[in-house]
């Protein structure tokens, strides 16, 4: 192993050992938002806030989020007006999420992959990440319990001390069964479709059902990866094989987690 690679991995291990106490809790409340301001730059955008509010109002009319975290109807969704591209920060980081720029400022466009420099350090990223007993890297805020509702990036280190494939993991749990074969992300108004290889599903007890998928992200999905890590807002739709789908808005913490995981992955030498 090259000396510089050994030093990098040693630093990751040391940072991971202290991450449990170094990172603030993720959440949507003002207190937790303020706790993260030391390394995130907030850019309040009124148009973006209006878009997110309207999206949540659409969902609240279709399903009670306290009864079922996934929407059960197939109504049109993600139809809000987009915030102008020029309103986004074109510099580096917005909460850890990156900000995309467009050649045509003011014209919303479907995002495509760009090879951008990593704008965070190990010291900034590791307090928000965890490494489990199997060597899997993922956000420390993600629950791997079968009854959790999660969507996130994860990866493990390969034998040659570089990251293995970046993976997209989805876990659904609700009061209705779901056998899905497509995952559609609507990101800033544009759809990105992902096809999981072999989703699993079963019963979680007490009238609950779960479904999950864990897939390596092939180069064909680079645009999706880029969009998730640069999104102003995003929704996920699990398309069921029986004609029933589930829809959910991704919160700011989840979008930050995507960006954190991708930046750490690339910082350690990972490529898609």
Protein backbone atom coordinates (compact mmCIF):
# COMPACT_ATOMS: atom_id res chain seq x y z
CA UNK A 1 0.00 0.00 0.00
CA UNK A 2 1.30 3.46 -0.83
CA UNK A 3 2.28 5.49 2.27
CA UNK A 4 -0.13 8.32 1.44
CA UNK A 5 -3.04 5.85 1.11
CA UNK A 6 -2.16 4.30 4.48
CA UNK A 7 -2.10 7.73 6.13
CA UNK A 8 -5.47 8.64 4.60
CA UNK A 9 -7.14 5.44 5.82
CA UNK A 10 -5.62 5.87 9.28
CA UNK A 11 -7.06 9.38 9.45
CA UNK A 12 -10.49 8.06 8.41
CA UNK A 13 -10.37 5.46 11.18
CA UNK A 14 -9.42 8.06 13.81
CA UNK A 15 -12.17 10.40 12.69
CA UNK A 16 -14.73 7.58 12.68
CA UNK A 17 -13.81 6.70 16.26
CA UNK A 18 -14.78 10.20 17.42
CA UNK A 19 -17.72 10.74 15.08
CA UNK A 20 -20.25 9.45 17.59
CA UNK A 21 -19.84 12.52 19.77
CA UNK A 22 -18.65 15.09 17.27
CA UNK A 23 -21.69 15.43 15.01
CA UNK A 24 -24.97 17.19 15.82
CA UNK A 25 -28.29 15.44 15.28
CA UNK A 26 -30.00 15.74 11.92
CA UNK A 27 -33.47 17.15 11.88
CA UNK A 28 -35.84 19.70 10.44
CA UNK A 29 -36.20 21.87 13.56
CA UNK A 30 -34.50 25.25 13.91
CA UNK A 31 -32.28 24.10 16.78
CA UNK A 32 -30.64 21.34 14.75
CA UNK A 33 -30.32 23.58 11.72
CA UNK A 34 -28.42 26.14 13.79
CA UNK A 35 -26.21 23.40 15.25
CA UNK A 36 -24.95 22.60 11.76
CA UNK A 37 -24.25 26.17 10.70
CA UNK A 38 -20.57 25.90 11.56
CA UNK A 39 -19.91 24.08 8.29
CA UNK A 40 -22.99 24.83 6.24
CA UNK A 41 -23.75 28.08 4.49
CA UNK A 42 -27.44 28.88 4.53
CA UNK A 43 -28.97 30.71 1.58
CA UNK A 44 -32.68 31.34 2.26
CA UNK A 45 -34.47 31.27 -1.09
CA UNK A 46 -38.06 32.39 -0.98
CA UNK A 47 -39.02 30.75 -4.26
CA UNK A 48 -37.48 27.42 -3.21
CA UNK A 49 -39.33 27.60 0.12
CA UNK A 50 -42.60 28.22 -1.72
CA UNK A 51 -41.93 25.19 -3.95
CA UNK A 52 -41.28 22.88 -1.01
CA UNK A 53 -44.33 24.18 0.86
CA UNK A 54 -46.54 23.56 -2.15
CA UNK A 55 -45.17 20.03 -2.58
CA UNK A 56 -45.94 19.20 1.04
CA UNK A 57 -49.41 20.66 0.71
CA UNK A 58 -50.02 18.38 -2.26
CA UNK A 59 -49.00 15.35 -0.20
CA UNK A 60 -51.06 16.39 2.82
CA UNK A 61 -54.17 16.48 0.65
CA UNK A 62 -53.51 12.96 -0.62
CA UNK A 63 -52.54 11.15 2.56
CA UNK A 64 -52.16 11.67 6.26
CA UNK A 65 -48.37 11.52 6.82
CA UNK A 66 -48.91 10.47 10.41
CA UNK A 67 -50.87 7.42 9.32
CA UNK A 68 -48.69 6.39 6.40
CA UNK A 69 -45.32 7.98 5.54
CA UNK A 70 -45.81 7.05 1.87
CA UNK A 71 -48.52 8.54 -0.31
CA UNK A 72 -50.87 5.90 -1.72
CA UNK A 73 -52.44 7.71 -4.68
CA UNK A 74 -51.31 8.12 -8.26
CA UNK A 75 -52.29 11.74 -8.67
CA UNK A 76 -49.98 14.08 -10.56
CA UNK A 77 -47.14 15.12 -8.30
CA UNK A 78 -44.13 17.43 -8.45
CA UNK A 79 -45.99 20.01 -10.53
CA UNK A 80 -44.92 23.16 -8.67
CA UNK A 81 -43.22 26.08 -10.38
CA UNK A 82 -39.45 25.74 -10.27
CA UNK A 83 -37.27 28.34 -8.55
CA UNK A 84 -35.13 30.13 -11.16
CA UNK A 85 -31.70 28.56 -11.58
CA UNK A 86 -30.06 31.92 -10.91
CA UNK A 87 -31.38 31.91 -7.34
CA UNK A 88 -29.16 28.97 -6.43
CA UNK A 89 -25.75 29.54 -4.90
CA UNK A 90 -23.23 29.00 -7.69
CA UNK A 91 -20.24 28.75 -5.35
CA UNK A 92 -19.53 25.63 -3.35
CA UNK A 93 -21.74 24.21 -0.65
CA UNK A 94 -25.34 24.72 0.45
CA UNK A 95 -25.60 22.71 3.66
CA UNK A 96 -23.10 20.19 2.31
CA UNK A 97 -25.28 19.89 -0.70
CA UNK A 98 -23.56 21.20 -3.79
CA UNK A 99 -25.10 23.89 -5.97
CA UNK A 100 -25.43 23.29 -9.68
CA UNK A 101 -24.91 26.02 -12.22
CA UNK A 102 -26.33 26.24 -15.72
CA UNK A 103 -24.97 27.83 -18.91
CA UNK A 104 -28.38 29.46 -19.31
CA UNK A 105 -28.98 31.23 -16.03
CA UNK A 106 -32.65 31.49 -15.15
CA UNK A 107 -33.63 28.47 -17.27
CA UNK A 108 -34.28 25.27 -15.28
CA UNK A 109 -32.53 22.32 -16.91
CA UNK A 110 -32.22 18.62 -16.23
CA UNK A 111 -28.94 18.13 -14.39
CA UNK A 112 -26.20 15.96 -15.86
CA UNK A 113 -23.01 14.65 -14.30
CA UNK A 114 -20.06 17.01 -13.99
CA UNK A 115 -16.61 16.16 -12.63
CA UNK A 116 -16.38 18.75 -9.88
CA UNK A 117 -13.71 19.02 -7.18
CA UNK A 118 -14.59 17.71 -3.72
CA UNK A 119 -15.31 20.76 -1.55
CA UNK A 120 -15.16 19.16 1.90
CA UNK A 121 -12.46 17.51 4.02
CA UNK A 122 -12.39 14.31 6.05
CA UNK A 123 -12.58 16.37 9.23
CA UNK A 124 -15.83 17.95 7.99
CA UNK A 125 -17.44 14.80 6.63
CA UNK A 126 -16.64 12.02 9.08
CA UNK A 127 -18.67 13.41 12.03
CA UNK A 128 -21.75 12.89 9.84
CA UNK A 129 -20.84 9.38 8.69
CA UNK A 130 -20.59 5.96 10.31
CA UNK A 131 -18.71 2.75 9.54
CA UNK A 132 -20.52 -0.39 10.71
CA UNK A 133 -19.09 -3.76 11.73
CA UNK A 134 -19.13 -4.91 8.09
CA UNK A 135 -17.11 -1.90 6.98
CA UNK A 136 -20.04 -0.14 5.32
CA UNK A 137 -19.86 3.65 5.12
CA UNK A 138 -23.17 5.54 5.28
CA UNK A 139 -24.76 8.56 6.96
CA UNK A 140 -24.86 8.23 10.75
CA UNK A 141 -28.50 9.35 10.62
CA UNK A 142 -29.67 6.40 8.52
CA UNK A 143 -31.47 3.53 10.23
CA UNK A 144 -31.00 0.03 8.80
CA UNK A 145 -33.96 -1.35 10.76
CA UNK A 146 -36.45 -3.13 8.50
CA UNK A 147 -39.29 -0.91 9.76
CA UNK A 148 -37.47 2.33 8.83
CA UNK A 149 -38.22 4.40 5.74
CA UNK A 150 -34.88 5.34 4.21
CA UNK A 151 -33.14 6.10 0.93
CA UNK A 152 -29.39 6.68 0.96
CA UNK A 153 -25.94 6.04 -0.55
CA UNK A 154 -23.53 3.49 0.96
CA UNK A 155 -20.22 1.86 0.09
CA UNK A 156 -17.51 -0.41 1.52
CA UNK A 157 -13.75 -0.27 1.10
CA UNK A 158 -12.38 -2.85 -1.33
CA UNK A 159 -9.33 -5.04 -0.74
CA UNK A 160 -7.06 -2.57 -2.54
CA UNK A 161 -7.97 0.16 -0.03
CA UNK A 162 -10.20 2.11 -2.40
CA UNK A 163 -14.00 2.29 -2.20
CA UNK A 164 -16.05 -0.40 -3.89
CA UNK A 165 -19.13 0.56 -5.94
CA UNK A 166 -21.37 3.32 -4.65
CA UNK A 167 -24.79 1.82 -3.85
CA UNK A 168 -28.34 3.18 -3.71
CA UNK A 169 -30.29 1.68 -0.83
CA UNK A 170 -34.07 2.01 -0.43
CA UNK A 171 -36.18 0.77 2.48
CA UNK A 172 -39.97 1.06 2.61
CA UNK A 173 -42.23 0.16 5.53
CA UNK A 174 -45.94 0.97 5.81
CA UNK A 175 -49.35 -0.53 6.42
CA UNK A 176 -49.80 -1.62 2.80
CA UNK A 177 -47.66 -4.17 0.90
CA UNK A 178 -45.59 -2.98 -2.05
CA UNK A 179 -43.67 -4.90 -4.70
CA UNK A 180 -41.88 -2.19 -6.69
CA UNK A 181 -39.72 -2.51 -9.79
CA UNK A 182 -38.98 1.17 -10.53
CA UNK A 183 -37.82 4.10 -8.43
CA UNK A 184 -38.57 7.50 -9.93
CA UNK A 185 -36.88 10.55 -8.43
CA UNK A 186 -38.37 13.93 -9.31
CA UNK A 187 -35.55 16.41 -8.71
CA UNK A 188 -36.13 20.13 -9.24
CA UNK A 189 -38.97 19.17 -11.58
CA UNK A 190 -37.19 16.56 -13.72
CA UNK A 191 -37.63 12.77 -13.52
CA UNK A 192 -34.73 10.32 -13.11
CA UNK A 193 -35.76 6.66 -13.26
CA UNK A 194 -33.82 3.94 -11.47
CA UNK A 195 -34.41 0.21 -12.01
CA UNK A 196 -33.53 -1.88 -8.93
CA UNK A 197 -32.23 -5.36 -9.72
CA UNK A 198 -34.02 -7.52 -7.16
CA UNK A 199 -36.17 -5.72 -4.57
CA UNK A 200 -37.12 -7.83 -1.56
CA UNK A 201 -40.36 -7.59 0.40
CA UNK A 202 -42.11 -9.19 3.35
CA UNK A 203 -44.14 -8.64 6.52
CA UNK A 204 -42.81 -6.70 9.49
CA UNK A 205 -45.55 -7.77 11.90
CA UNK A 206 -48.41 -5.79 13.49
CA UNK A 207 -49.99 -5.18 10.10
CA UNK A 208 -46.84 -3.63 8.62
CA UNK A 209 -45.09 -4.55 5.39
CA UNK A 210 -41.55 -3.83 4.20
CA UNK A 211 -39.77 -3.71 0.84
CA UNK A 212 -36.11 -2.97 0.16
CA UNK A 213 -33.48 -2.79 -2.56
CA UNK A 214 -29.70 -2.36 -2.52
CA UNK A 215 -28.04 -1.77 -5.89
CA UNK A 216 -24.67 -0.74 -7.25
CA UNK A 217 -24.86 2.53 -9.15
CA UNK A 218 -23.64 1.92 -12.69
CA UNK A 219 -22.27 4.77 -14.88
CA UNK A 220 -25.68 5.05 -16.55
CA UNK A 221 -26.97 6.53 -13.29
CA UNK A 222 -24.33 9.24 -12.90
CA UNK A 223 -26.85 11.98 -13.75
CA UNK A 224 -29.14 10.74 -10.98
CA UNK A 225 -26.24 10.76 -8.49
CA UNK A 226 -25.29 14.29 -9.51
CA UNK A 227 -28.89 15.54 -9.30
CA UNK A 228 -29.51 14.05 -5.84
CA UNK A 229 -26.40 15.77 -4.48
CA UNK A 230 -27.25 19.16 -6.04
CA UNK A 231 -31.04 19.20 -5.52
CA UNK A 232 -33.06 22.11 -4.21
CA UNK A 233 -35.94 19.69 -3.62
CA UNK A 234 -36.70 16.08 -4.50
CA UNK A 235 -39.42 13.47 -4.31
CA UNK A 236 -39.18 9.69 -4.58
CA UNK A 237 -41.83 7.43 -6.12
CA UNK A 238 -41.73 3.66 -5.72
CA UNK A 239 -43.65 2.24 -8.69
CA UNK A 240 -45.42 -0.98 -7.73
CA UNK A 241 -45.82 -3.91 -10.11
CA UNK A 242 -49.53 -4.11 -9.26
CA UNK A 243 -50.26 -0.54 -10.31
CA UNK A 244 -50.01 0.96 -6.82
CA UNK A 245 -47.20 3.42 -6.11
CA UNK A 246 -45.87 5.27 -3.07
CA UNK A 247 -44.59 8.85 -3.08
CA UNK A 248 -42.58 10.77 -0.51
CA UNK A 249 -40.81 14.13 -0.26
CA UNK A 250 -37.13 13.89 0.69
CA UNK A 251 -36.21 16.34 3.45
CA UNK A 252 -33.16 18.60 3.56
CA UNK A 253 -31.30 16.25 5.90
CA UNK A 254 -31.64 13.35 3.46
CA UNK A 255 -30.40 15.50 0.58
CA UNK A 256 -27.41 16.59 2.68
CA UNK A 257 -26.70 12.92 3.42
CA UNK A 258 -26.49 12.09 -0.29
CA UNK A 259 -23.95 14.87 -0.81
CA UNK A 260 -21.89 13.89 2.25
CA UNK A 261 -21.69 10.25 1.17
CA UNK A 262 -20.72 11.10 -2.41
CA UNK A 263 -18.04 13.57 -1.34
CA UNK A 264 -16.52 11.08 1.11
CA UNK A 265 -16.69 8.36 -1.54
CA UNK A 266 -14.80 10.51 -4.05
CA UNK A 267 -12.39 11.85 -1.43
CA UNK A 268 -11.34 8.26 -0.65
CA UNK A 269 -10.77 7.55 -4.34
CA UNK A 270 -14.14 6.17 -5.43
CA UNK A 271 -15.42 6.58 -8.98
CA UNK A 272 -18.73 5.81 -10.66
